Amino acid sequence: MTITNIDEKSTDTQCKVEVHVTHAKISFPGSNSWKDIKTAAGGKGMIESIGKIKRSLTIQEAISSIYEQVINCLIGSHFIMPIEISGHSLGGGLAQELAFWLIKSGLGKINIILDGSIRIGNKAYARYLEEHCDSITWNENGNDPIPLIWPWLSRVGKVVILKPRVFPWLDFDLENGAHSGYWPVEYKR
């Protein structure tokens, strides 16, 4: 097994690539700087590709800055598929975009796990990922406000609410915080 930590300073994008003999895991952390928050906010708008697919330009630029390093880790290790990509908050958006790039490069057997992810694409983007990935799980705390931002953009995959809303009229659970007290509750999109 090889583990590579990628940290691209120009876009403040980090990920960890673990290459095992039978599979690879790529994980992205959540926001931890003001530059990350700007990336998540998507201030540069949307980019259009492959028909009607639209996605965040700032997320695309962040993945563009690390893509070659990720590919070098995967190809250099002669790994065998599948690839699991995971991310939290901003990292979830980066995980979605990396999966999009890997699919376009011809790599298959991709599984995505998103935790409290931001939304980064339109319905056509969500459909494209759902058609080309083996599985996509979107875990969400019912009181976490991050997945509710940009409601006109689409969630991808199967949505699992880890905790129902304690205060349905609020986006944030004032008693427990957004990221504590998880328990599984199934939710259909």
N, C-alpha and C. Protein backbone atom coordinates (compact mmCIF):
# COMPACT_ATOMS: atom_id res chain seq x y z
N MET A 1 0.85 -1.18 0.00
CA MET A 1 0.00 0.00 0.00
C MET A 1 0.89 1.24 0.00
N THR A 2 0.50 2.21 -0.81
CA THR A 2 1.20 3.49 -0.80
C THR A 2 0.20 4.60 -0.45
N ILE A 3 0.65 5.55 0.34
CA ILE A 3 -0.18 6.69 0.73
C ILE A 3 0.53 7.96 0.30
N THR A 4 -0.19 8.81 -0.42
CA THR A 4 0.36 10.08 -0.86
C THR A 4 -0.58 11.19 -0.41
N ASN A 5 -0.03 12.18 0.27
CA ASN A 5 -0.80 13.37 0.65
C ASN A 5 -0.48 14.47 -0.35
N ILE A 6 -1.51 14.96 -1.01
CA ILE A 6 -1.35 16.02 -2.00
C ILE A 6 -1.82 17.32 -1.38
N ASP A 7 -1.01 18.36 -1.52
CA ASP A 7 -1.36 19.68 -0.98
C ASP A 7 -0.93 20.72 -2.00
N GLU A 8 -1.88 21.17 -2.80
CA GLU A 8 -1.60 22.17 -3.83
C GLU A 8 -1.84 23.56 -3.25
N LYS A 9 -0.77 24.30 -3.05
CA LYS A 9 -0.83 25.62 -2.41
C LYS A 9 -1.57 26.66 -3.25
N SER A 10 -1.43 26.59 -4.57
CA SER A 10 -2.03 27.63 -5.43
C SER A 10 -3.55 27.69 -5.30
N THR A 11 -4.20 26.54 -5.09
CA THR A 11 -5.65 26.51 -4.93
C THR A 11 -6.08 26.09 -3.53
N ASP A 12 -5.10 25.82 -2.64
CA ASP A 12 -5.37 25.36 -1.29
C ASP A 12 -6.24 24.10 -1.31
N THR A 13 -5.86 23.15 -2.17
CA THR A 13 -6.60 21.90 -2.33
C THR A 13 -5.75 20.74 -1.81
N GLN A 14 -6.35 19.95 -0.91
CA GLN A 14 -5.65 18.81 -0.33
C GLN A 14 -6.46 17.54 -0.55
N CYS A 15 -5.73 16.43 -0.67
CA CYS A 15 -6.37 15.12 -0.67
C CYS A 15 -5.35 14.06 -0.29
N LYS A 16 -5.86 12.92 0.13
CA LYS A 16 -5.01 11.78 0.46
C LYS A 16 -5.35 10.66 -0.52
N VAL A 17 -4.32 10.08 -1.15
CA VAL A 17 -4.51 8.99 -2.09
C VAL A 17 -3.87 7.74 -1.50
N GLU A 18 -4.70 6.72 -1.24
CA GLU A 18 -4.22 5.44 -0.75
C GLU A 18 -4.38 4.43 -1.87
N VAL A 19 -3.29 3.82 -2.28
CA VAL A 19 -3.36 2.82 -3.34
C VAL A 19 -3.03 1.46 -2.74
N HIS A 20 -4.01 0.58 -2.77
CA HIS A 20 -3.86 -0.79 -2.29
C HIS A 20 -3.71 -1.70 -3.51
N VAL A 21 -3.45 -2.95 -3.30
CA VAL A 21 -3.28 -3.88 -4.41
C VAL A 21 -4.59 -4.05 -5.17
N THR A 22 -5.71 -4.08 -4.46
CA THR A 22 -7.00 -4.37 -5.09
C THR A 22 -7.89 -3.14 -5.31
N HIS A 23 -7.55 -2.01 -4.75
CA HIS A 23 -8.40 -0.82 -4.88
C HIS A 23 -7.62 0.43 -4.50
N ALA A 24 -8.25 1.57 -4.74
CA ALA A 24 -7.66 2.85 -4.33
C ALA A 24 -8.71 3.66 -3.59
N LYS A 25 -8.25 4.48 -2.63
CA LYS A 25 -9.13 5.39 -1.89
C LYS A 25 -8.57 6.80 -1.99
N ILE A 26 -9.44 7.73 -2.31
CA ILE A 26 -9.05 9.14 -2.39
C ILE A 26 -10.01 9.90 -1.48
N SER A 27 -9.47 10.68 -0.55
CA SER A 27 -10.34 11.41 0.38
C SER A 27 -9.96 12.88 0.44
N PHE A 28 -10.99 13.71 0.52
CA PHE A 28 -10.84 15.17 0.58
C PHE A 28 -11.39 15.68 1.91
N PRO A 29 -10.65 16.57 2.58
CA PRO A 29 -11.15 17.16 3.83
C PRO A 29 -12.14 18.29 3.53
N GLY A 30 -12.82 18.74 4.57
CA GLY A 30 -13.70 19.89 4.45
C GLY A 30 -12.91 21.19 4.44
N SER A 31 -13.62 22.29 4.41
CA SER A 31 -12.99 23.62 4.39
C SER A 31 -12.20 23.87 5.66
N ASN A 32 -11.00 24.46 5.49
CA ASN A 32 -10.23 24.84 6.66
C ASN A 32 -9.51 26.17 6.48
N SER A 33 -9.94 26.95 5.49
CA SER A 33 -9.35 28.28 5.27
C SER A 33 -10.36 29.17 4.54
N TRP A 34 -10.07 30.47 4.53
CA TRP A 34 -10.93 31.40 3.79
C TRP A 34 -10.90 31.11 2.30
N LYS A 35 -9.76 30.68 1.78
CA LYS A 35 -9.66 30.34 0.36
C LYS A 35 -10.58 29.15 0.03
N ASP A 36 -10.66 28.18 0.96
CA ASP A 36 -11.57 27.06 0.78
C ASP A 36 -13.02 27.52 0.73
N ILE A 37 -13.37 28.45 1.59
CA ILE A 37 -14.75 28.96 1.63
C ILE A 37 -15.08 29.66 0.32
N LYS A 38 -14.12 30.42 -0.22
CA LYS A 38 -14.33 31.07 -1.53
C LYS A 38 -14.51 30.03 -2.63
N THR A 39 -13.72 28.95 -2.56
CA THR A 39 -13.86 27.87 -3.55
C THR A 39 -15.24 27.24 -3.46
N ALA A 40 -15.68 26.95 -2.25
CA ALA A 40 -16.99 26.33 -2.03
C ALA A 40 -18.12 27.25 -2.48
N ALA A 41 -17.95 28.55 -2.28
CA ALA A 41 -19.00 29.52 -2.65
C ALA A 41 -19.18 29.63 -4.15
N GLY A 42 -18.16 29.24 -4.91
CA GLY A 42 -18.30 29.21 -6.37
C GLY A 42 -18.51 30.57 -7.00
N GLY A 43 -17.78 31.56 -6.56
CA GLY A 43 -17.95 32.92 -7.03
C GLY A 43 -17.72 33.15 -8.51
N LYS A 44 -17.07 32.20 -9.18
CA LYS A 44 -16.79 32.38 -10.61
C LYS A 44 -17.89 31.84 -11.50
N GLY A 45 -18.94 31.28 -10.92
CA GLY A 45 -20.06 30.80 -11.72
C GLY A 45 -19.92 29.35 -12.14
N MET A 46 -20.62 29.01 -13.22
CA MET A 46 -20.70 27.63 -13.68
C MET A 46 -19.99 27.48 -15.02
N ILE A 47 -19.50 26.27 -15.26
CA ILE A 47 -18.87 25.93 -16.53
C ILE A 47 -19.75 24.86 -17.18
N GLU A 48 -19.92 24.94 -18.49
CA GLU A 48 -20.75 23.99 -19.20
C GLU A 48 -19.87 23.00 -19.95
N SER A 49 -20.26 21.73 -19.93
CA SER A 49 -19.52 20.71 -20.66
C SER A 49 -20.45 19.56 -21.00
N ILE A 50 -20.07 18.75 -21.96
CA ILE A 50 -20.82 17.55 -22.37
C ILE A 50 -22.33 17.81 -22.38
N GLY A 51 -22.80 18.42 -23.40
CA GLY A 51 -24.23 18.69 -23.51
C GLY A 51 -24.69 19.78 -22.56
N LYS A 52 -25.64 19.45 -21.70
CA LYS A 52 -26.23 20.44 -20.80
C LYS A 52 -25.67 20.37 -19.38
N ILE A 53 -24.58 19.66 -19.19
CA ILE A 53 -23.99 19.53 -17.86
C ILE A 53 -23.35 20.85 -17.45
N LYS A 54 -23.74 21.33 -16.27
CA LYS A 54 -23.13 22.55 -15.71
C LYS A 54 -22.63 22.22 -14.32
N ARG A 55 -21.44 22.75 -14.00
CA ARG A 55 -20.84 22.53 -12.69
C ARG A 55 -20.02 23.73 -12.27
N SER A 56 -19.65 23.78 -11.01
CA SER A 56 -18.94 24.92 -10.44
C SER A 56 -17.56 25.10 -11.06
N LEU A 57 -17.29 26.29 -11.54
CA LEU A 57 -15.99 26.60 -12.14
C LEU A 57 -14.87 26.59 -11.10
N THR A 58 -15.13 27.10 -9.89
CA THR A 58 -14.07 27.12 -8.87
C THR A 58 -13.70 25.71 -8.41
N ILE A 59 -14.67 24.81 -8.32
CA ILE A 59 -14.39 23.41 -7.96
C ILE A 59 -13.61 22.75 -9.09
N GLN A 60 -13.98 23.04 -10.32
CA GLN A 60 -13.27 22.49 -11.48
C GLN A 60 -11.82 22.95 -11.49
N GLU A 61 -11.58 24.21 -11.17
CA GLU A 61 -10.21 24.73 -11.12
C GLU A 61 -9.39 24.07 -10.01
N ALA A 62 -10.02 23.81 -8.87
CA ALA A 62 -9.31 23.15 -7.77
C ALA A 62 -8.89 21.73 -8.17
N ILE A 63 -9.78 20.98 -8.81
CA ILE A 63 -9.43 19.62 -9.25
C ILE A 63 -8.39 19.67 -10.36
N SER A 64 -8.50 20.64 -11.23
CA SER A 64 -7.51 20.79 -12.31
C SER A 64 -6.10 20.94 -11.74
N SER A 65 -5.98 21.60 -10.60
CA SER A 65 -4.66 21.85 -10.01
C SER A 65 -4.01 20.60 -9.41
N ILE A 66 -4.79 19.56 -9.10
CA ILE A 66 -4.22 18.35 -8.49
C ILE A 66 -4.38 17.10 -9.34
N TYR A 67 -5.11 17.20 -10.44
CA TYR A 67 -5.48 16.01 -11.22
C TYR A 67 -4.27 15.19 -11.67
N GLU A 68 -3.26 15.82 -12.21
CA GLU A 68 -2.08 15.08 -12.69
C GLU A 68 -1.40 14.32 -11.55
N GLN A 69 -1.32 14.94 -10.39
CA GLN A 69 -0.71 14.27 -9.24
C GLN A 69 -1.50 13.03 -8.83
N VAL A 70 -2.84 13.15 -8.84
CA VAL A 70 -3.70 12.01 -8.50
C VAL A 70 -3.51 10.89 -9.52
N ILE A 71 -3.55 11.23 -10.80
CA ILE A 71 -3.38 10.22 -11.86
C ILE A 71 -2.02 9.54 -11.74
N ASN A 72 -0.97 10.32 -11.46
CA ASN A 72 0.37 9.74 -11.30
C ASN A 72 0.41 8.74 -10.14
N CYS A 73 -0.29 9.04 -9.05
CA CYS A 73 -0.36 8.11 -7.92
C CYS A 73 -1.05 6.81 -8.34
N LEU A 74 -2.15 6.94 -9.08
CA LEU A 74 -2.92 5.76 -9.47
C LEU A 74 -2.19 4.92 -10.52
N ILE A 75 -1.74 5.56 -11.58
CA ILE A 75 -1.10 4.84 -12.67
C ILE A 75 0.28 4.34 -12.27
N GLY A 76 1.02 5.14 -11.53
CA GLY A 76 2.36 4.76 -11.11
C GLY A 76 2.39 3.53 -10.22
N SER A 77 1.28 3.25 -9.55
CA SER A 77 1.22 2.11 -8.64
C SER A 77 0.60 0.88 -9.29
N HIS A 78 0.18 0.99 -10.53
CA HIS A 78 -0.45 -0.12 -11.25
C HIS A 78 -1.56 -0.75 -10.43
N PHE A 79 -2.43 0.10 -9.90
CA PHE A 79 -3.51 -0.38 -9.04
C PHE A 79 -4.56 -1.12 -9.87
N ILE A 80 -5.39 -1.89 -9.16
CA ILE A 80 -6.53 -2.55 -9.78
C ILE A 80 -7.77 -1.85 -9.24
N MET A 81 -8.76 -1.62 -10.09
CA MET A 81 -9.97 -0.94 -9.68
C MET A 81 -10.64 -1.73 -8.57
N PRO A 82 -11.56 -1.21 -7.83
CA PRO A 82 -12.29 0.05 -7.94
C PRO A 82 -11.61 1.21 -7.21
N ILE A 83 -12.19 2.39 -7.42
CA ILE A 83 -11.71 3.61 -6.77
C ILE A 83 -12.83 4.14 -5.89
N GLU A 84 -12.52 4.39 -4.62
CA GLU A 84 -13.49 5.00 -3.71
C GLU A 84 -13.03 6.43 -3.46
N ILE A 85 -13.94 7.38 -3.72
CA ILE A 85 -13.63 8.80 -3.52
C ILE A 85 -14.59 9.32 -2.46
N SER A 86 -14.05 9.96 -1.43
CA SER A 86 -14.90 10.48 -0.36
C SER A 86 -14.52 11.91 -0.02
N GLY A 87 -15.48 12.64 0.55
CA GLY A 87 -15.21 14.01 0.95
C GLY A 87 -16.28 14.55 1.85
N HIS A 88 -15.88 15.52 2.68
CA HIS A 88 -16.79 16.17 3.61
C HIS A 88 -16.92 17.64 3.24
N SER A 89 -18.14 18.16 3.18
CA SER A 89 -18.41 19.57 2.92
C SER A 89 -17.80 19.98 1.58
N LEU A 90 -16.86 20.91 1.56
CA LEU A 90 -16.17 21.27 0.32
C LEU A 90 -15.53 20.03 -0.30
N GLY A 91 -14.97 19.17 0.53
CA GLY A 91 -14.35 17.94 0.04
C GLY A 91 -15.32 17.06 -0.73
N GLY A 92 -16.59 17.10 -0.37
CA GLY A 92 -17.60 16.35 -1.11
C GLY A 92 -17.76 16.88 -2.53
N GLY A 93 -17.73 18.20 -2.67
CA GLY A 93 -17.79 18.79 -4.00
C GLY A 93 -16.57 18.42 -4.83
N LEU A 94 -15.40 18.44 -4.18
CA LEU A 94 -14.17 18.06 -4.87
C LEU A 94 -14.20 16.58 -5.26
N ALA A 95 -14.77 15.73 -4.40
CA ALA A 95 -14.89 14.30 -4.70
C ALA A 95 -15.77 14.08 -5.93
N GLN A 96 -16.88 14.82 -6.01
CA GLN A 96 -17.76 14.69 -7.17
C GLN A 96 -17.04 15.09 -8.46
N GLU A 97 -16.33 16.20 -8.39
CA GLU A 97 -15.64 16.69 -9.59
C GLU A 97 -14.51 15.76 -10.00
N LEU A 98 -13.75 15.22 -9.04
CA LEU A 98 -12.69 14.28 -9.39
C LEU A 98 -13.28 13.04 -10.05
N ALA A 99 -14.40 12.54 -9.54
CA ALA A 99 -15.07 11.39 -10.15
C ALA A 99 -15.44 11.71 -11.59
N PHE A 100 -15.95 12.91 -11.83
CA PHE A 100 -16.32 13.36 -13.19
C PHE A 100 -15.10 13.30 -14.11
N TRP A 101 -13.97 13.81 -13.64
CA TRP A 101 -12.73 13.81 -14.44
C TRP A 101 -12.24 12.38 -14.69
N LEU A 102 -12.29 11.52 -13.68
CA LEU A 102 -11.82 10.15 -13.84
C LEU A 102 -12.70 9.38 -14.83
N ILE A 103 -14.00 9.61 -14.77
CA ILE A 103 -14.92 8.98 -15.72
C ILE A 103 -14.60 9.43 -17.14
N LYS A 104 -14.39 10.74 -17.33
CA LYS A 104 -14.05 11.25 -18.65
C LYS A 104 -12.72 10.69 -19.15
N SER A 105 -11.83 10.31 -18.23
CA SER A 105 -10.54 9.72 -18.60
C SER A 105 -10.63 8.23 -18.90
N GLY A 106 -11.81 7.66 -18.72
CA GLY A 106 -12.01 6.26 -19.02
C GLY A 106 -11.86 5.31 -17.85
N LEU A 107 -11.67 5.84 -16.65
CA LEU A 107 -11.58 4.97 -15.48
C LEU A 107 -12.99 4.69 -14.96
N GLY A 108 -13.26 3.46 -14.66
CA GLY A 108 -14.59 3.08 -14.18
C GLY A 108 -14.52 2.53 -12.78
N LYS A 109 -15.61 1.87 -12.37
CA LYS A 109 -15.74 1.28 -11.04
C LYS A 109 -15.44 2.32 -9.95
N ILE A 110 -16.14 3.43 -10.03
CA ILE A 110 -15.94 4.52 -9.07
C ILE A 110 -17.10 4.53 -8.09
N ASN A 111 -16.76 4.58 -6.80
CA ASN A 111 -17.74 4.70 -5.73
C ASN A 111 -17.48 6.01 -5.01
N ILE A 112 -18.54 6.77 -4.76
CA ILE A 112 -18.40 8.07 -4.10
C ILE A 112 -19.16 8.03 -2.77
N ILE A 113 -18.52 8.57 -1.72
CA ILE A 113 -19.17 8.72 -0.42
C ILE A 113 -19.04 10.19 -0.03
N LEU A 114 -20.17 10.85 0.11
CA LEU A 114 -20.20 12.28 0.42
C LEU A 114 -20.80 12.48 1.81
N ASP A 115 -20.15 13.30 2.62
CA ASP A 115 -20.65 13.60 3.96
C ASP A 115 -20.87 15.10 4.08
N GLY A 116 -22.14 15.51 4.19
CA GLY A 116 -22.46 16.93 4.32
C GLY A 116 -21.89 17.75 3.18
N SER A 117 -22.00 17.24 1.99
CA SER A 117 -21.36 17.84 0.81
C SER A 117 -22.07 19.09 0.32
N ILE A 118 -21.28 19.96 -0.33
CA ILE A 118 -21.87 21.08 -1.05
C ILE A 118 -22.43 20.54 -2.38
N ARG A 119 -23.35 21.27 -2.95
CA ARG A 119 -23.90 20.91 -4.26
C ARG A 119 -23.12 21.69 -5.31
N ILE A 120 -22.70 21.01 -6.39
CA ILE A 120 -21.85 21.71 -7.35
C ILE A 120 -22.34 21.65 -8.79
N GLY A 121 -23.41 20.90 -9.07
CA GLY A 121 -23.83 20.78 -10.46
C GLY A 121 -25.33 20.74 -10.64
N ASN A 122 -25.75 20.84 -11.91
CA ASN A 122 -27.17 20.80 -12.22
C ASN A 122 -27.67 19.35 -12.31
N LYS A 123 -28.94 19.16 -12.69
CA LYS A 123 -29.52 17.81 -12.75
C LYS A 123 -28.81 16.94 -13.78
N ALA A 124 -28.40 17.52 -14.89
CA ALA A 124 -27.69 16.75 -15.92
C ALA A 124 -26.36 16.23 -15.37
N TYR A 125 -25.69 17.03 -14.56
CA TYR A 125 -24.43 16.62 -13.93
C TYR A 125 -24.69 15.45 -12.97
N ALA A 126 -25.72 15.58 -12.14
CA ALA A 126 -26.06 14.52 -11.19
C ALA A 126 -26.40 13.23 -11.94
N ARG A 127 -27.19 13.33 -13.00
CA ARG A 127 -27.55 12.15 -13.79
C ARG A 127 -26.32 11.49 -14.40
N TYR A 128 -25.39 12.30 -14.91
CA TYR A 128 -24.17 11.78 -15.52
C TYR A 128 -23.36 10.97 -14.50
N LEU A 129 -23.16 11.53 -13.31
CA LEU A 129 -22.41 10.81 -12.28
C LEU A 129 -23.15 9.53 -11.87
N GLU A 130 -24.46 9.62 -11.70
CA GLU A 130 -25.24 8.45 -11.27
C GLU A 130 -25.19 7.33 -12.32
N GLU A 131 -25.15 7.69 -13.60
CA GLU A 131 -25.09 6.69 -14.67
C GLU A 131 -23.71 6.04 -14.77
N HIS A 132 -22.65 6.77 -14.44
CA HIS A 132 -21.30 6.27 -14.67
C HIS A 132 -20.56 5.76 -13.43
N CYS A 133 -21.08 6.03 -12.25
CA CYS A 133 -20.45 5.54 -11.02
C CYS A 133 -21.13 4.25 -10.57
N ASP A 134 -20.38 3.36 -9.93
CA ASP A 134 -20.98 2.15 -9.40
C ASP A 134 -21.95 2.46 -8.27
N SER A 135 -21.56 3.39 -7.38
CA SER A 135 -22.45 3.80 -6.30
C SER A 135 -22.08 5.21 -5.83
N ILE A 136 -23.11 5.91 -5.35
CA ILE A 136 -22.92 7.23 -4.77
C ILE A 136 -23.81 7.30 -3.53
N THR A 137 -23.19 7.57 -2.38
CA THR A 137 -23.96 7.73 -1.15
C THR A 137 -23.72 9.14 -0.63
N TRP A 138 -24.80 9.86 -0.38
CA TRP A 138 -24.76 11.23 0.12
C TRP A 138 -25.28 11.20 1.56
N ASN A 139 -24.38 11.21 2.54
CA ASN A 139 -24.76 11.22 3.96
C ASN A 139 -24.95 12.66 4.41
N GLU A 140 -26.04 12.88 5.14
CA GLU A 140 -26.37 14.24 5.52
C GLU A 140 -26.99 14.29 6.90
N ASN A 141 -26.47 15.16 7.76
CA ASN A 141 -27.09 15.44 9.03
C ASN A 141 -28.25 16.38 8.74
N GLY A 142 -29.43 16.07 9.20
CA GLY A 142 -30.60 16.87 8.89
C GLY A 142 -30.51 18.33 9.28
N ASN A 143 -29.61 18.68 10.21
CA ASN A 143 -29.50 20.06 10.66
C ASN A 143 -28.25 20.77 10.15
N ASP A 144 -27.52 20.13 9.26
CA ASP A 144 -26.32 20.73 8.68
C ASP A 144 -26.75 21.68 7.57
N PRO A 145 -26.42 22.97 7.67
CA PRO A 145 -26.88 23.92 6.65
C PRO A 145 -26.12 23.82 5.33
N ILE A 146 -24.94 23.25 5.29
CA ILE A 146 -24.12 23.25 4.08
C ILE A 146 -24.80 22.56 2.89
N PRO A 147 -25.39 21.36 3.04
CA PRO A 147 -26.04 20.73 1.89
C PRO A 147 -27.29 21.47 1.39
N LEU A 148 -27.80 22.41 2.20
CA LEU A 148 -29.00 23.16 1.81
C LEU A 148 -28.66 24.41 0.99
N ILE A 149 -27.37 24.76 0.96
CA ILE A 149 -26.95 25.94 0.20
C ILE A 149 -27.07 25.61 -1.29
N TRP A 150 -27.40 26.56 -2.09
CA TRP A 150 -27.59 26.41 -3.54
C TRP A 150 -28.64 25.35 -3.85
N PRO A 151 -29.90 25.55 -3.40
CA PRO A 151 -30.94 24.54 -3.59
C PRO A 151 -31.29 24.30 -5.06
N TRP A 152 -30.92 25.18 -5.96
CA TRP A 152 -31.19 24.98 -7.38
C TRP A 152 -30.22 23.98 -8.00
N LEU A 153 -29.14 23.65 -7.29
CA LEU A 153 -28.22 22.62 -7.76
C LEU A 153 -28.66 21.27 -7.19
N SER A 154 -28.18 20.19 -7.78
CA SER A 154 -28.70 18.86 -7.43
C SER A 154 -27.77 18.04 -6.54
N ARG A 155 -28.40 17.26 -5.68
CA ARG A 155 -27.67 16.23 -4.95
C ARG A 155 -27.45 15.08 -5.92
N VAL A 156 -26.46 14.24 -5.63
CA VAL A 156 -26.22 13.07 -6.47
C VAL A 156 -26.34 11.82 -5.62
N GLY A 157 -26.76 10.73 -6.24
CA GLY A 157 -26.78 9.44 -5.58
C GLY A 157 -27.91 9.25 -4.59
N LYS A 158 -27.73 8.26 -3.73
CA LYS A 158 -28.70 7.93 -2.70
C LYS A 158 -28.45 8.81 -1.48
N VAL A 159 -29.46 9.53 -1.05
CA VAL A 159 -29.33 10.43 0.10
C VAL A 159 -29.75 9.69 1.36
N VAL A 160 -28.86 9.72 2.36
CA VAL A 160 -29.15 9.11 3.66
C VAL A 160 -29.08 10.21 4.70
N ILE A 161 -30.21 10.46 5.37
CA ILE A 161 -30.24 11.45 6.45
C ILE A 161 -29.78 10.75 7.73
N LEU A 162 -28.65 11.18 8.26
CA LEU A 162 -28.08 10.55 9.44
C LEU A 162 -28.78 10.98 10.72
N LYS A 163 -29.45 12.12 10.66
CA LYS A 163 -30.17 12.61 11.83
C LYS A 163 -31.28 13.52 11.33
N PRO A 164 -32.52 13.28 11.73
CA PRO A 164 -33.58 14.17 11.29
C PRO A 164 -33.47 15.54 11.94
N ARG A 165 -34.14 16.53 11.38
CA ARG A 165 -34.11 17.88 11.93
C ARG A 165 -34.76 17.92 13.30
N VAL A 166 -34.04 18.51 14.27
CA VAL A 166 -34.59 18.70 15.60
C VAL A 166 -35.50 19.93 15.58
N PHE A 167 -35.02 20.98 14.93
CA PHE A 167 -35.79 22.20 14.75
C PHE A 167 -36.04 22.37 13.25
N PRO A 168 -37.16 21.86 12.71
CA PRO A 168 -37.36 21.86 11.27
C PRO A 168 -37.33 23.26 10.64
N TRP A 169 -37.63 24.29 11.41
CA TRP A 169 -37.64 25.64 10.85
C TRP A 169 -36.24 26.26 10.84
N LEU A 170 -35.26 25.59 11.47
CA LEU A 170 -33.88 26.05 11.45
C LEU A 170 -33.02 25.11 10.63
N ASP A 171 -31.97 25.62 10.05
CA ASP A 171 -31.05 24.79 9.29
C ASP A 171 -29.95 24.23 10.18
N PHE A 172 -29.94 24.59 11.45
CA PHE A 172 -28.84 24.19 12.33
C PHE A 172 -29.41 23.79 13.67
N ASP A 173 -28.99 22.68 14.21
CA ASP A 173 -29.43 22.20 15.51
C ASP A 173 -28.65 22.94 16.58
N LEU A 174 -29.28 23.90 17.24
CA LEU A 174 -28.60 24.75 18.21
C LEU A 174 -28.11 23.97 19.42
N GLU A 175 -28.80 22.88 19.73
CA GLU A 175 -28.45 22.10 20.91
C GLU A 175 -27.22 21.21 20.67
N ASN A 176 -27.17 20.52 19.53
CA ASN A 176 -26.12 19.53 19.28
C ASN A 176 -25.08 19.96 18.26
N GLY A 177 -25.31 21.01 17.52
CA GLY A 177 -24.39 21.37 16.45
C GLY A 177 -24.69 20.57 15.20
N ALA A 178 -24.06 20.94 14.10
CA ALA A 178 -24.39 20.33 12.82
C ALA A 178 -23.75 18.97 12.61
N HIS A 179 -22.68 18.66 13.32
CA HIS A 179 -21.96 17.43 13.02
C HIS A 179 -21.87 16.48 14.20
N SER A 180 -22.89 16.44 15.06
CA SER A 180 -22.82 15.52 16.19
C SER A 180 -24.13 14.76 16.33
N GLY A 181 -24.11 13.68 17.05
CA GLY A 181 -25.31 12.90 17.32
C GLY A 181 -25.90 12.21 16.11
N TYR A 182 -25.09 11.64 15.24
CA TYR A 182 -25.61 10.97 14.05
C TYR A 182 -26.29 9.65 14.39
N TRP A 183 -27.38 9.34 13.71
CA TRP A 183 -27.92 7.99 13.69
C TRP A 183 -28.61 7.82 12.34
N PRO A 184 -28.59 6.60 11.79
CA PRO A 184 -29.07 6.44 10.42
C PRO A 184 -30.59 6.50 10.29
N VAL A 185 -31.04 7.25 9.30
CA VAL A 185 -32.44 7.31 8.91
C VAL A 185 -32.45 7.38 7.39
N GLU A 186 -33.10 6.43 6.74
CA GLU A 186 -33.13 6.41 5.27
C GLU A 186 -34.02 7.54 4.74
N TYR A 187 -33.65 8.08 3.61
CA TYR A 187 -34.39 9.16 2.97
C TYR A 187 -34.35 8.95 1.47
N LYS A 188 -35.49 8.98 0.83
CA LYS A 188 -35.51 8.86 -0.63
C LYS A 188 -35.63 10.23 -1.24
N ARG A 189 -34.86 10.46 -2.27
CA ARG A 189 -34.83 11.75 -2.96
C ARG A 189 -36.12 12.00 -3.68
